[in-house]
């Protein structure tokens, strides 16, 4: 019945700050929908930023910044990702560590976005 994921909403307190982080730190492309919703393109899907104070309906029952735990696949080796994060003074909370992903073993780094969402950046383990 289902074939994939179109977009995932991330509730944020400051759209400008979130766009800066996701574009500068993670290299995502931005598409502005309106002042309260912005899409960050990740392959053929979007991470959609929603501002906490939006009146847009429908929305989650309790949209809460910092409640997301998201695993993203990296095209680059994790040592390159780690050097990039260090150059931008972005703290790596944990890693690299071994984890289990949807399709097998991963090597992962963990960091947080400006709202405290936990982001796991992973690569398949060889």
Protein backbone atom coordinates (compact mmCIF):
# COMPACT_ATOMS: atom_id res chain seq x y z
CA UNK A 1 0.00 0.00 0.00
CA UNK A 2 2.78 2.52 0.87
CA UNK A 3 5.84 3.18 -1.27
CA UNK A 4 8.06 5.59 0.64
CA UNK A 5 8.35 8.86 2.50
CA UNK A 6 7.57 12.23 0.85
CA UNK A 7 8.46 14.58 3.72
CA UNK A 8 9.07 14.62 7.44
CA UNK A 9 8.14 17.67 9.52
CA UNK A 10 10.66 19.11 11.97
CA UNK A 11 9.18 21.64 14.39
CA UNK A 12 11.62 24.50 15.00
CA UNK A 13 11.66 27.68 17.07
CA UNK A 14 13.56 29.74 14.49
CA UNK A 15 13.26 28.95 10.77
CA UNK A 16 16.24 31.13 9.77
CA UNK A 17 18.54 29.48 12.31
CA UNK A 18 17.38 25.99 11.28
CA UNK A 19 17.83 26.74 7.57
CA UNK A 20 21.36 27.99 8.26
CA UNK A 21 22.23 24.81 10.18
CA UNK A 22 20.76 22.32 7.72
CA UNK A 23 22.19 24.06 4.64
CA UNK A 24 25.61 25.14 5.98
CA UNK A 25 26.35 22.16 8.24
CA UNK A 26 24.57 19.33 6.41
CA UNK A 27 24.59 20.69 2.85
CA UNK A 28 20.85 20.38 2.16
CA UNK A 29 19.19 22.51 -0.53
CA UNK A 30 16.40 24.82 0.62
CA UNK A 31 13.00 25.49 -0.99
CA UNK A 32 10.95 28.24 0.60
CA UNK A 33 7.22 27.50 0.69
CA UNK A 34 6.14 30.45 2.88
CA UNK A 35 7.39 32.21 6.03
CA UNK A 36 6.22 29.38 8.30
CA UNK A 37 7.22 26.34 6.17
CA UNK A 38 10.47 25.56 4.41
CA UNK A 39 11.56 22.36 2.67
CA UNK A 40 15.12 21.07 2.94
CA UNK A 41 15.67 18.61 0.13
CA UNK A 42 17.15 15.24 0.97
CA UNK A 43 17.26 13.15 -2.20
CA UNK A 44 13.68 12.72 -3.41
CA UNK A 45 12.13 13.65 -0.07
CA UNK A 46 12.02 16.77 2.09
CA UNK A 47 12.67 17.65 5.68
CA UNK A 48 9.93 20.22 6.14
CA UNK A 49 10.59 22.86 8.77
CA UNK A 50 7.50 24.14 10.58
CA UNK A 51 7.72 27.14 12.88
CA UNK A 52 6.36 26.45 16.38
CA UNK A 53 4.06 29.46 16.34
CA UNK A 54 2.33 28.51 13.08
CA UNK A 55 -1.43 28.27 12.72
CA UNK A 56 -1.09 25.84 9.79
CA UNK A 57 -3.56 22.96 10.05
CA UNK A 58 -3.57 20.04 10.21
CA UNK A 59 -0.46 19.45 12.28
CA UNK A 60 0.80 17.08 14.95
CA UNK A 61 -1.14 17.09 18.22
CA UNK A 62 1.88 18.26 20.22
CA UNK A 63 4.50 19.72 17.85
CA UNK A 64 7.59 20.00 20.02
CA UNK A 65 11.04 21.29 19.03
CA UNK A 66 13.82 18.94 20.05
CA UNK A 67 11.73 15.77 20.10
CA UNK A 68 13.04 14.26 16.85
CA UNK A 69 15.63 11.48 16.59
CA UNK A 70 16.60 11.14 12.93
CA UNK A 71 19.18 8.98 11.16
CA UNK A 72 20.59 10.40 7.91
CA UNK A 73 22.75 8.49 5.42
CA UNK A 74 26.03 10.12 4.40
CA UNK A 75 27.58 9.95 0.94
CA UNK A 76 30.96 10.84 2.47
CA UNK A 77 33.12 8.72 4.75
CA UNK A 78 32.45 9.60 8.39
CA UNK A 79 36.00 10.83 9.01
CA UNK A 80 35.37 13.51 6.34
CA UNK A 81 32.03 14.37 7.93
CA UNK A 82 33.71 14.64 11.32
CA UNK A 83 36.42 16.97 9.95
CA UNK A 84 33.71 19.12 8.31
CA UNK A 85 31.79 19.36 11.60
CA UNK A 86 34.96 20.22 13.53
CA UNK A 87 35.81 22.97 11.01
CA UNK A 88 32.36 24.48 11.67
CA UNK A 89 32.72 24.05 15.46
CA UNK A 90 29.74 21.68 15.55
CA UNK A 91 30.03 19.30 18.48
CA UNK A 92 29.87 15.57 17.82
CA UNK A 93 27.97 14.16 20.77
CA UNK A 94 28.94 10.53 20.15
CA UNK A 95 30.82 8.52 17.58
CA UNK A 96 31.84 7.06 15.44
CA UNK A 97 29.98 4.05 16.87
CA UNK A 98 28.47 0.87 15.46
CA UNK A 99 24.69 0.80 15.12
CA UNK A 100 22.01 -1.30 13.45
CA UNK A 101 20.16 0.40 10.62
CA UNK A 102 17.15 -0.56 8.54
CA UNK A 103 19.34 -2.48 6.08
CA UNK A 104 22.25 -3.69 8.20
CA UNK A 105 25.15 -2.48 10.27
CA UNK A 106 26.07 1.20 10.31
CA UNK A 107 28.86 3.39 11.56
CA UNK A 108 27.37 6.57 13.02
CA UNK A 109 28.10 10.01 14.41
CA UNK A 110 25.59 11.86 16.60
CA UNK A 111 25.03 15.61 16.84
CA UNK A 112 22.19 18.00 17.63
CA UNK A 113 20.52 20.69 15.58
CA UNK A 114 19.89 24.15 17.11
CA UNK A 115 16.56 22.98 18.62
CA UNK A 116 18.13 19.91 20.25
CA UNK A 117 16.89 17.30 17.78
CA UNK A 118 19.23 14.30 17.73
CA UNK A 119 20.77 13.70 14.31
CA UNK A 120 22.60 10.49 13.51
CA UNK A 121 24.80 10.63 10.42
CA UNK A 122 25.57 7.13 9.22
CA UNK A 123 27.34 5.03 6.60
CA UNK A 124 27.00 1.29 5.97
CA UNK A 125 29.69 -0.64 7.80
CA UNK A 126 32.09 -2.46 5.49
